[in-house]
């Protein structure tokens, strides 16, 4: 699981979420929350007169362990835009201590798209697993072919 210092080293802004998987834990009370994301490994500065950034993006599993208290609020109906993958605005966390003395974090993933959406839960930590080498692209979100290569 990631430590405090590891969390501060990640930036998930504009990462696309392609899927949400809930994996039941052995205790039946908690489990893993797995987000299938396009992790933007690097934002590449425009070169040679180009005006747009390019990106190095990799399909990644962002897994929050021993997750409880999950709330998902995603409203595509009130948006006037396209049906496309959700994107992360920012991930916040706050230290909490259960009555048993067990430490964890209260997490909130704010979404850019659909606007005003969020995912909140409790978890003591996360791991991030990059599934393939990053692809250099002019988009922040990979195509299905790029994700499956």
C-alpha atoms as a PDB file:
ATOM      1  CA  UNK A   1       0.000   0.000   0.000  1.00  0.00           C
ATOM      2  CA  UNK A   2       1.162   3.533  -0.665  1.00  0.00           C
ATOM      3  CA  UNK A   3       2.486   5.672   2.149  1.00  0.00           C
ATOM      4  CA  UNK A   4       1.793   9.330   2.928  1.00  0.00           C
ATOM      5  CA  UNK A   5       4.796  10.425   0.892  1.00  0.00           C
ATOM      6  CA  UNK A   6       3.812   8.218  -2.059  1.00  0.00           C
ATOM      7  CA  UNK A   7       0.303   9.704  -2.132  1.00  0.00           C
ATOM      8  CA  UNK A   8       1.667  13.251  -2.437  1.00  0.00           C
ATOM      9  CA  UNK A   9       3.778  12.160  -5.416  1.00  0.00           C
ATOM     10  CA  UNK A  10       0.778  11.192  -7.569  1.00  0.00           C
ATOM     11  CA  UNK A  11      -1.308  13.463  -9.764  1.00  0.00           C
ATOM     12  CA  UNK A  12      -4.519  11.982 -11.145  1.00  0.00           C
ATOM     13  CA  UNK A  13      -5.906  15.235 -12.637  1.00  0.00           C
ATOM     14  CA  UNK A  14      -7.704  14.555 -15.941  1.00  0.00           C
ATOM     15  CA  UNK A  15      -7.157  10.772 -15.707  1.00  0.00           C
ATOM     16  CA  UNK A  16     -10.035   8.926 -17.390  1.00  0.00           C
ATOM     17  CA  UNK A  17     -11.924   6.246 -15.446  1.00  0.00           C
ATOM     18  CA  UNK A  18     -13.037   3.411 -17.733  1.00  0.00           C
ATOM     19  CA  UNK A  19     -14.343   1.042 -15.096  1.00  0.00           C
ATOM     20  CA  UNK A  20     -15.123   0.512 -11.430  1.00  0.00           C
ATOM     21  CA  UNK A  21     -14.757  -2.968  -9.918  1.00  0.00           C
ATOM     22  CA  UNK A  22     -15.717  -4.004  -6.391  1.00  0.00           C
ATOM     23  CA  UNK A  23     -13.876  -7.038  -5.039  1.00  0.00           C
ATOM     24  CA  UNK A  24     -15.348  -8.553  -1.878  1.00  0.00           C
ATOM     25  CA  UNK A  25     -12.859  -9.014   0.937  1.00  0.00           C
ATOM     26  CA  UNK A  26     -12.362 -12.130   3.029  1.00  0.00           C
ATOM     27  CA  UNK A  27     -14.045 -10.534   6.051  1.00  0.00           C
ATOM     28  CA  UNK A  28     -17.224  -9.680   4.111  1.00  0.00           C
ATOM     29  CA  UNK A  29     -17.172  -6.160   5.590  1.00  0.00           C
ATOM     30  CA  UNK A  30     -14.603  -4.537   3.324  1.00  0.00           C
ATOM     31  CA  UNK A  31     -12.948  -5.196  -0.001  1.00  0.00           C
ATOM     32  CA  UNK A  32     -10.976  -3.660  -2.809  1.00  0.00           C
ATOM     33  CA  UNK A  33     -12.251  -0.800  -4.933  1.00  0.00           C
ATOM     34  CA  UNK A  34     -10.472  -0.993  -8.290  1.00  0.00           C
ATOM     35  CA  UNK A  35     -10.562   1.900 -10.751  1.00  0.00           C
ATOM     36  CA  UNK A  36      -9.475   1.113 -14.318  1.00  0.00           C
ATOM     37  CA  UNK A  37      -7.872   4.410 -15.339  1.00  0.00           C
ATOM     38  CA  UNK A  38      -5.737   5.950 -18.048  1.00  0.00           C
ATOM     39  CA  UNK A  39      -2.896   7.261 -15.883  1.00  0.00           C
ATOM     40  CA  UNK A  40      -1.194  10.316 -17.362  1.00  0.00           C
ATOM     41  CA  UNK A  41       2.425   9.438 -16.639  1.00  0.00           C
ATOM     42  CA  UNK A  42       3.750  12.673 -18.119  1.00  0.00           C
ATOM     43  CA  UNK A  43       2.449  15.919 -19.618  1.00  0.00           C
ATOM     44  CA  UNK A  44       4.792  16.760 -22.522  1.00  0.00           C
ATOM     45  CA  UNK A  45       5.379  20.441 -23.277  1.00  0.00           C
ATOM     46  CA  UNK A  46       4.491  21.610 -26.801  1.00  0.00           C
ATOM     47  CA  UNK A  47       7.473  21.513 -29.162  1.00  0.00           C
ATOM     48  CA  UNK A  48       8.398  23.104 -32.480  1.00  0.00           C
ATOM     49  CA  UNK A  49       5.643  25.718 -32.518  1.00  0.00           C
ATOM     50  CA  UNK A  50       2.915  23.297 -31.514  1.00  0.00           C
ATOM     51  CA  UNK A  51       0.251  24.795 -29.253  1.00  0.00           C
ATOM     52  CA  UNK A  52      -1.047  21.637 -27.611  1.00  0.00           C
ATOM     53  CA  UNK A  53       0.416  19.349 -24.989  1.00  0.00           C
ATOM     54  CA  UNK A  54       1.097  15.701 -25.709  1.00  0.00           C
ATOM     55  CA  UNK A  55       0.840  13.005 -23.062  1.00  0.00           C
ATOM     56  CA  UNK A  56       2.397   9.713 -22.017  1.00  0.00           C
ATOM     57  CA  UNK A  57      -0.573   7.603 -20.853  1.00  0.00           C
ATOM     58  CA  UNK A  58      -0.762   4.042 -19.524  1.00  0.00           C
ATOM     59  CA  UNK A  59      -3.720   1.776 -18.671  1.00  0.00           C
ATOM     60  CA  UNK A  60      -3.551   1.384 -14.893  1.00  0.00           C
ATOM     61  CA  UNK A  61      -5.385  -0.248 -11.971  1.00  0.00           C
ATOM     62  CA  UNK A  62      -5.785   2.144  -9.030  1.00  0.00           C
ATOM     63  CA  UNK A  63      -6.801  -0.158  -6.155  1.00  0.00           C
ATOM     64  CA  UNK A  64      -7.994   1.042  -2.761  1.00  0.00           C
ATOM     65  CA  UNK A  65      -7.699  -1.725  -0.163  1.00  0.00           C
ATOM     66  CA  UNK A  66     -10.049  -2.681   2.701  1.00  0.00           C
ATOM     67  CA  UNK A  67     -12.625  -0.212   1.380  1.00  0.00           C
ATOM     68  CA  UNK A  68     -15.802   0.587   3.328  1.00  0.00           C
ATOM     69  CA  UNK A  69     -18.487   3.294   3.306  1.00  0.00           C
ATOM     70  CA  UNK A  70     -18.564   3.585  -0.491  1.00  0.00           C
ATOM     71  CA  UNK A  71     -20.703   6.350  -2.043  1.00  0.00           C
ATOM     72  CA  UNK A  72     -20.801   6.868  -5.812  1.00  0.00           C
ATOM     73  CA  UNK A  73     -22.533   9.963  -7.230  1.00  0.00           C
ATOM     74  CA  UNK A  74     -22.300  10.127 -11.013  1.00  0.00           C
ATOM     75  CA  UNK A  75     -25.033  11.915 -12.959  1.00  0.00           C
ATOM     76  CA  UNK A  76     -24.755  11.763 -16.751  1.00  0.00           C
ATOM     77  CA  UNK A  77     -28.448  12.681 -17.142  1.00  0.00           C
ATOM     78  CA  UNK A  78     -28.016  16.311 -16.082  1.00  0.00           C
ATOM     79  CA  UNK A  79     -25.004  16.892 -18.361  1.00  0.00           C
ATOM     80  CA  UNK A  80     -25.494  18.260 -21.837  1.00  0.00           C
ATOM     81  CA  UNK A  81     -22.359  16.613 -23.224  1.00  0.00           C
ATOM     82  CA  UNK A  82     -21.242  13.315 -24.635  1.00  0.00           C
ATOM     83  CA  UNK A  83     -21.345   9.951 -22.897  1.00  0.00           C
ATOM     84  CA  UNK A  84     -17.636   9.321 -22.375  1.00  0.00           C
ATOM     85  CA  UNK A  85     -15.342   8.073 -19.611  1.00  0.00           C
ATOM     86  CA  UNK A  86     -15.426   9.907 -16.301  1.00  0.00           C
ATOM     87  CA  UNK A  87     -12.378  12.063 -15.558  1.00  0.00           C
ATOM     88  CA  UNK A  88     -10.777  12.844 -12.223  1.00  0.00           C
ATOM     89  CA  UNK A  89     -10.470  16.430 -11.060  1.00  0.00           C
ATOM     90  CA  UNK A  90      -8.686  15.672  -7.809  1.00  0.00           C
ATOM     91  CA  UNK A  91      -8.319  13.044  -5.095  1.00  0.00           C
ATOM     92  CA  UNK A  92      -8.517  14.169  -1.468  1.00  0.00           C
ATOM     93  CA  UNK A  93      -7.917  12.187   1.679  1.00  0.00           C
ATOM     94  CA  UNK A  94      -8.270  12.877   5.379  1.00  0.00           C
ATOM     95  CA  UNK A  95      -6.927  10.785   8.260  1.00  0.00           C
ATOM     96  CA  UNK A  96      -9.550   9.028  10.362  1.00  0.00           C
ATOM     97  CA  UNK A  97      -9.421   6.616  13.298  1.00  0.00           C
ATOM     98  CA  UNK A  98     -12.160   4.047  13.837  1.00  0.00           C
ATOM     99  CA  UNK A  99     -13.522   3.518  17.375  1.00  0.00           C
ATOM    100  CA  UNK A 100     -11.429   0.321  17.449  1.00  0.00           C
ATOM    101  CA  UNK A 101      -8.300   2.476  17.080  1.00  0.00           C
ATOM    102  CA  UNK A 102      -7.691   1.252  13.497  1.00  0.00           C
ATOM    103  CA  UNK A 103      -6.327   4.114  11.311  1.00  0.00           C
ATOM    104  CA  UNK A 104      -7.602   4.748   7.790  1.00  0.00           C
ATOM    105  CA  UNK A 105      -8.376   7.583   5.416  1.00  0.00           C
ATOM    106  CA  UNK A 106     -11.614   9.147   4.227  1.00  0.00           C
ATOM    107  CA  UNK A 107     -11.147   9.505   0.454  1.00  0.00           C
ATOM    108  CA  UNK A 108     -13.044  11.682  -2.015  1.00  0.00           C
ATOM    109  CA  UNK A 109     -12.454  11.496  -5.745  1.00  0.00           C
ATOM    110  CA  UNK A 110     -13.908  14.625  -7.363  1.00  0.00           C
ATOM    111  CA  UNK A 111     -14.781  14.289 -11.031  1.00  0.00           C
ATOM    112  CA  UNK A 112     -14.293  16.799 -13.869  1.00  0.00           C
ATOM    113  CA  UNK A 113     -16.754  14.822 -15.950  1.00  0.00           C
ATOM    114  CA  UNK A 114     -19.583  14.393 -15.335  1.00  0.00           C
ATOM    115  CA  UNK A 115     -19.389  17.654 -13.442  1.00  0.00           C
ATOM    116  CA  UNK A 116     -20.205  17.595  -9.717  1.00  0.00           C
ATOM    117  CA  UNK A 117     -19.721  13.818  -9.581  1.00  0.00           C
ATOM    118  CA  UNK A 118     -17.717  12.098  -6.881  1.00  0.00           C
ATOM    119  CA  UNK A 119     -16.719   8.771  -5.353  1.00  0.00           C
ATOM    120  CA  UNK A 120     -16.133   8.692  -1.587  1.00  0.00           C
ATOM    121  CA  UNK A 121     -15.097   5.855   0.749  1.00  0.00           C
ATOM    122  CA  UNK A 122     -12.819   4.832   3.611  1.00  0.00           C
ATOM    123  CA  UNK A 123      -9.605   2.877   3.017  1.00  0.00           C
ATOM    124  CA  UNK A 124      -6.223   2.579   4.740  1.00  0.00           C
ATOM    125  CA  UNK A 125      -4.294   2.781   1.469  1.00  0.00           C
ATOM    126  CA  UNK A 126      -3.914   2.061  -2.216  1.00  0.00           C
ATOM    127  CA  UNK A 127      -1.690   0.495  -4.821  1.00  0.00           C
ATOM    128  CA  UNK A 128      -1.319   1.591  -8.400  1.00  0.00           C
ATOM    129  CA  UNK A 129      -0.374  -0.980 -11.043  1.00  0.00           C
ATOM    130  CA  UNK A 130       0.538   0.138 -14.551  1.00  0.00           C
ATOM    131  CA  UNK A 131      -0.542  -2.656 -16.921  1.00  0.00           C
ATOM    132  CA  UNK A 132       1.429  -1.688 -20.071  1.00  0.00           C
ATOM    133  CA  UNK A 133       4.121   0.729 -21.133  1.00  0.00           C
ATOM    134  CA  UNK A 134       2.891   4.312 -21.628  1.00  0.00           C
ATOM    135  CA  UNK A 135       1.707   5.425 -25.063  1.00  0.00           C
ATOM    136  CA  UNK A 136       2.587   8.892 -26.359  1.00  0.00           C
ATOM    137  CA  UNK A 137      -0.575  10.576 -27.624  1.00  0.00           C
ATOM    138  CA  UNK A 138      -2.192  13.963 -28.143  1.00  0.00           C
ATOM    139  CA  UNK A 139      -5.208  12.867 -26.060  1.00  0.00           C
ATOM    140  CA  UNK A 140      -5.467  12.411 -22.297  1.00  0.00           C
ATOM    141  CA  UNK A 141      -7.607   9.302 -22.791  1.00  0.00           C
ATOM    142  CA  UNK A 142      -6.508   6.201 -24.694  1.00  0.00           C
ATOM    143  CA  UNK A 143      -8.567   4.554 -27.408  1.00  0.00           C
ATOM    144  CA  UNK A 144      -9.793   0.990 -26.911  1.00  0.00           C
ATOM    145  CA  UNK A 145      -7.097  -0.253 -29.333  1.00  0.00           C
ATOM    146  CA  UNK A 146      -4.364   1.587 -27.382  1.00  0.00           C
ATOM    147  CA  UNK A 147      -5.648   0.229 -24.052  1.00  0.00           C
ATOM    148  CA  UNK A 148      -5.663  -3.366 -25.345  1.00  0.00           C
ATOM    149  CA  UNK A 149      -2.279  -3.336 -27.083  1.00  0.00           C
END
